[in-house]
């Protein structure tokens, strides 16, 4: 019985250490991306919200997409279940794209990120 407990304890510690390491890696990645960005998140968010009147940012992140550093915002509006994704160039501040996503598309995207 002690061996099972010890094995479970070792596995649990290993799992926790792995999760902590991944968070550390993601924090480092974000810090590097933010060091490259010329446009602040707040300024990019203001630009994105101007494209979706009455909208509210649900989520925003800095990422490299197709070789470009962009701020990507998911914006919800009170009159719709759809999400508008607005991408703002993190170097120039220009709007890169505006796209509507259905609630189903958004759920698929989230599931894909977790896999």
C-alpha atoms as a PDB file:
ATOM      1  CA  UNK A   1       0.000   0.000   0.000  1.00  0.00           C
ATOM      2  CA  UNK A   2       2.862   2.369   0.782  1.00  0.00           C
ATOM      3  CA  UNK A   3       4.327   1.812  -2.687  1.00  0.00           C
ATOM      4  CA  UNK A   4       1.056   2.811  -4.378  1.00  0.00           C
ATOM      5  CA  UNK A   5       0.893   5.954  -2.249  1.00  0.00           C
ATOM      6  CA  UNK A   6       4.506   6.791  -3.027  1.00  0.00           C
ATOM      7  CA  UNK A   7       4.025   6.228  -6.765  1.00  0.00           C
ATOM      8  CA  UNK A   8       0.893   8.403  -6.775  1.00  0.00           C
ATOM      9  CA  UNK A   9       2.739  11.120  -4.865  1.00  0.00           C
ATOM     10  CA  UNK A  10       5.669  11.078  -7.294  1.00  0.00           C
ATOM     11  CA  UNK A  11       3.315  11.209 -10.274  1.00  0.00           C
ATOM     12  CA  UNK A  12       1.364  14.104  -8.742  1.00  0.00           C
ATOM     13  CA  UNK A  13       4.551  16.085  -8.083  1.00  0.00           C
ATOM     14  CA  UNK A  14       5.730  15.431 -11.640  1.00  0.00           C
ATOM     15  CA  UNK A  15       2.422  16.559 -13.085  1.00  0.00           C
ATOM     16  CA  UNK A  16       2.415  19.757 -11.038  1.00  0.00           C
ATOM     17  CA  UNK A  17       6.005  20.520 -12.002  1.00  0.00           C
ATOM     18  CA  UNK A  18       5.150  20.022 -15.681  1.00  0.00           C
ATOM     19  CA  UNK A  19       2.182  22.403 -15.444  1.00  0.00           C
ATOM     20  CA  UNK A  20       4.283  25.030 -13.675  1.00  0.00           C
ATOM     21  CA  UNK A  21       6.993  24.733 -16.327  1.00  0.00           C
ATOM     22  CA  UNK A  22       4.476  25.203 -19.152  1.00  0.00           C
ATOM     23  CA  UNK A  23       3.068  28.339 -17.491  1.00  0.00           C
ATOM     24  CA  UNK A  24       6.609  29.649 -17.109  1.00  0.00           C
ATOM     25  CA  UNK A  25       7.326  28.965 -20.796  1.00  0.00           C
ATOM     26  CA  UNK A  26       4.139  30.769 -21.882  1.00  0.00           C
ATOM     27  CA  UNK A  27       4.915  33.750 -19.635  1.00  0.00           C
ATOM     28  CA  UNK A  28       8.404  33.986 -21.182  1.00  0.00           C
ATOM     29  CA  UNK A  29       6.916  33.812 -24.686  1.00  0.00           C
ATOM     30  CA  UNK A  30       4.420  36.577 -23.890  1.00  0.00           C
ATOM     31  CA  UNK A  31       7.154  38.753 -22.359  1.00  0.00           C
ATOM     32  CA  UNK A  32       9.257  38.404 -25.524  1.00  0.00           C
ATOM     33  CA  UNK A  33       6.290  39.245 -27.759  1.00  0.00           C
ATOM     34  CA  UNK A  34       5.391  42.277 -25.630  1.00  0.00           C
ATOM     35  CA  UNK A  35       8.975  43.511 -25.861  1.00  0.00           C
ATOM     36  CA  UNK A  36       8.593  43.499 -29.666  1.00  0.00           C
ATOM     37  CA  UNK A  37       5.214  45.287 -29.685  1.00  0.00           C
ATOM     38  CA  UNK A  38       5.175  49.018 -30.379  1.00  0.00           C
ATOM     39  CA  UNK A  39       1.423  49.352 -29.720  1.00  0.00           C
ATOM     40  CA  UNK A  40       0.116  48.798 -26.188  1.00  0.00           C
ATOM     41  CA  UNK A  41      -2.732  46.423 -25.507  1.00  0.00           C
ATOM     42  CA  UNK A  42      -4.887  49.343 -24.334  1.00  0.00           C
ATOM     43  CA  UNK A  43      -4.322  51.291 -27.568  1.00  0.00           C
ATOM     44  CA  UNK A  44      -4.940  48.237 -29.729  1.00  0.00           C
ATOM     45  CA  UNK A  45      -8.103  47.450 -27.766  1.00  0.00           C
ATOM     46  CA  UNK A  46      -9.401  50.976 -28.356  1.00  0.00           C
ATOM     47  CA  UNK A  47      -8.745  50.573 -32.101  1.00  0.00           C
ATOM     48  CA  UNK A  48     -10.517  47.197 -32.135  1.00  0.00           C
ATOM     49  CA  UNK A  49     -13.557  48.481 -30.223  1.00  0.00           C
ATOM     50  CA  UNK A  50     -13.943  51.303 -32.750  1.00  0.00           C
ATOM     51  CA  UNK A  51     -14.669  48.596 -35.352  1.00  0.00           C
ATOM     52  CA  UNK A  52     -17.466  47.036 -33.260  1.00  0.00           C
ATOM     53  CA  UNK A  53     -19.796  49.759 -31.938  1.00  0.00           C
ATOM     54  CA  UNK A  54     -21.335  48.823 -28.596  1.00  0.00           C
ATOM     55  CA  UNK A  55     -18.987  45.855 -28.244  1.00  0.00           C
ATOM     56  CA  UNK A  56     -17.107  44.627 -25.190  1.00  0.00           C
ATOM     57  CA  UNK A  57     -13.803  42.749 -25.248  1.00  0.00           C
ATOM     58  CA  UNK A  58     -14.201  39.168 -24.009  1.00  0.00           C
ATOM     59  CA  UNK A  59     -10.603  38.192 -24.563  1.00  0.00           C
ATOM     60  CA  UNK A  60      -7.425  39.699 -25.976  1.00  0.00           C
ATOM     61  CA  UNK A  61      -3.988  38.312 -26.657  1.00  0.00           C
ATOM     62  CA  UNK A  62      -0.720  39.122 -28.355  1.00  0.00           C
ATOM     63  CA  UNK A  63       0.397  36.526 -30.878  1.00  0.00           C
ATOM     64  CA  UNK A  64       2.403  35.923 -34.011  1.00  0.00           C
ATOM     65  CA  UNK A  65       0.193  35.000 -36.917  1.00  0.00           C
ATOM     66  CA  UNK A  66       1.439  34.521 -40.474  1.00  0.00           C
ATOM     67  CA  UNK A  67       4.723  36.150 -39.443  1.00  0.00           C
ATOM     68  CA  UNK A  68       3.015  39.281 -38.079  1.00  0.00           C
ATOM     69  CA  UNK A  69       2.861  40.367 -34.470  1.00  0.00           C
ATOM     70  CA  UNK A  70      -0.799  41.119 -33.752  1.00  0.00           C
ATOM     71  CA  UNK A  71      -3.176  41.899 -30.952  1.00  0.00           C
ATOM     72  CA  UNK A  72      -6.228  39.676 -31.373  1.00  0.00           C
ATOM     73  CA  UNK A  73      -9.484  40.591 -29.615  1.00  0.00           C
ATOM     74  CA  UNK A  74     -12.742  38.656 -29.299  1.00  0.00           C
ATOM     75  CA  UNK A  75     -15.510  41.233 -29.022  1.00  0.00           C
ATOM     76  CA  UNK A  76     -19.092  40.474 -27.986  1.00  0.00           C
ATOM     77  CA  UNK A  77     -22.096  42.672 -28.727  1.00  0.00           C
ATOM     78  CA  UNK A  78     -25.296  42.670 -26.676  1.00  0.00           C
ATOM     79  CA  UNK A  79     -27.574  42.038 -29.669  1.00  0.00           C
ATOM     80  CA  UNK A  80     -25.756  38.950 -30.969  1.00  0.00           C
ATOM     81  CA  UNK A  81     -24.368  35.607 -29.856  1.00  0.00           C
ATOM     82  CA  UNK A  82     -21.656  35.914 -32.505  1.00  0.00           C
ATOM     83  CA  UNK A  83     -18.162  37.115 -31.668  1.00  0.00           C
ATOM     84  CA  UNK A  84     -16.273  39.613 -33.789  1.00  0.00           C
ATOM     85  CA  UNK A  85     -12.545  38.925 -33.904  1.00  0.00           C
ATOM     86  CA  UNK A  86     -10.530  42.062 -34.599  1.00  0.00           C
ATOM     87  CA  UNK A  87      -6.811  41.824 -35.237  1.00  0.00           C
ATOM     88  CA  UNK A  88      -4.607  44.887 -34.822  1.00  0.00           C
ATOM     89  CA  UNK A  89      -0.976  45.050 -35.992  1.00  0.00           C
ATOM     90  CA  UNK A  90       1.145  45.369 -32.823  1.00  0.00           C
ATOM     91  CA  UNK A  91       3.823  47.327 -34.691  1.00  0.00           C
ATOM     92  CA  UNK A  92       1.800  49.829 -36.741  1.00  0.00           C
ATOM     93  CA  UNK A  93      -1.573  49.894 -34.952  1.00  0.00           C
ATOM     94  CA  UNK A  94      -3.426  49.234 -38.223  1.00  0.00           C
ATOM     95  CA  UNK A  95      -6.442  46.925 -38.284  1.00  0.00           C
ATOM     96  CA  UNK A  96      -5.364  43.678 -39.964  1.00  0.00           C
ATOM     97  CA  UNK A  97      -8.749  41.942 -40.073  1.00  0.00           C
ATOM     98  CA  UNK A  98     -12.300  41.950 -38.781  1.00  0.00           C
ATOM     99  CA  UNK A  99     -14.180  38.645 -38.851  1.00  0.00           C
ATOM    100  CA  UNK A 100     -17.439  37.370 -37.360  1.00  0.00           C
ATOM    101  CA  UNK A 101     -17.398  34.001 -35.649  1.00  0.00           C
ATOM    102  CA  UNK A 102     -20.489  32.109 -34.585  1.00  0.00           C
ATOM    103  CA  UNK A 103     -20.704  30.727 -31.051  1.00  0.00           C
ATOM    104  CA  UNK A 104     -20.077  27.255 -32.538  1.00  0.00           C
ATOM    105  CA  UNK A 105     -16.948  28.465 -34.378  1.00  0.00           C
ATOM    106  CA  UNK A 106     -15.676  30.062 -31.183  1.00  0.00           C
ATOM    107  CA  UNK A 107     -16.218  26.822 -29.239  1.00  0.00           C
ATOM    108  CA  UNK A 108     -14.327  24.828 -31.889  1.00  0.00           C
ATOM    109  CA  UNK A 109     -11.443  27.304 -31.744  1.00  0.00           C
ATOM    110  CA  UNK A 110     -11.261  27.025 -27.949  1.00  0.00           C
ATOM    111  CA  UNK A 111     -11.330  23.238 -28.116  1.00  0.00           C
ATOM    112  CA  UNK A 112      -8.519  23.290 -30.667  1.00  0.00           C
ATOM    113  CA  UNK A 113      -6.357  25.389 -28.344  1.00  0.00           C
ATOM    114  CA  UNK A 114      -6.796  22.886 -25.501  1.00  0.00           C
ATOM    115  CA  UNK A 115      -5.883  19.801 -27.566  1.00  0.00           C
END
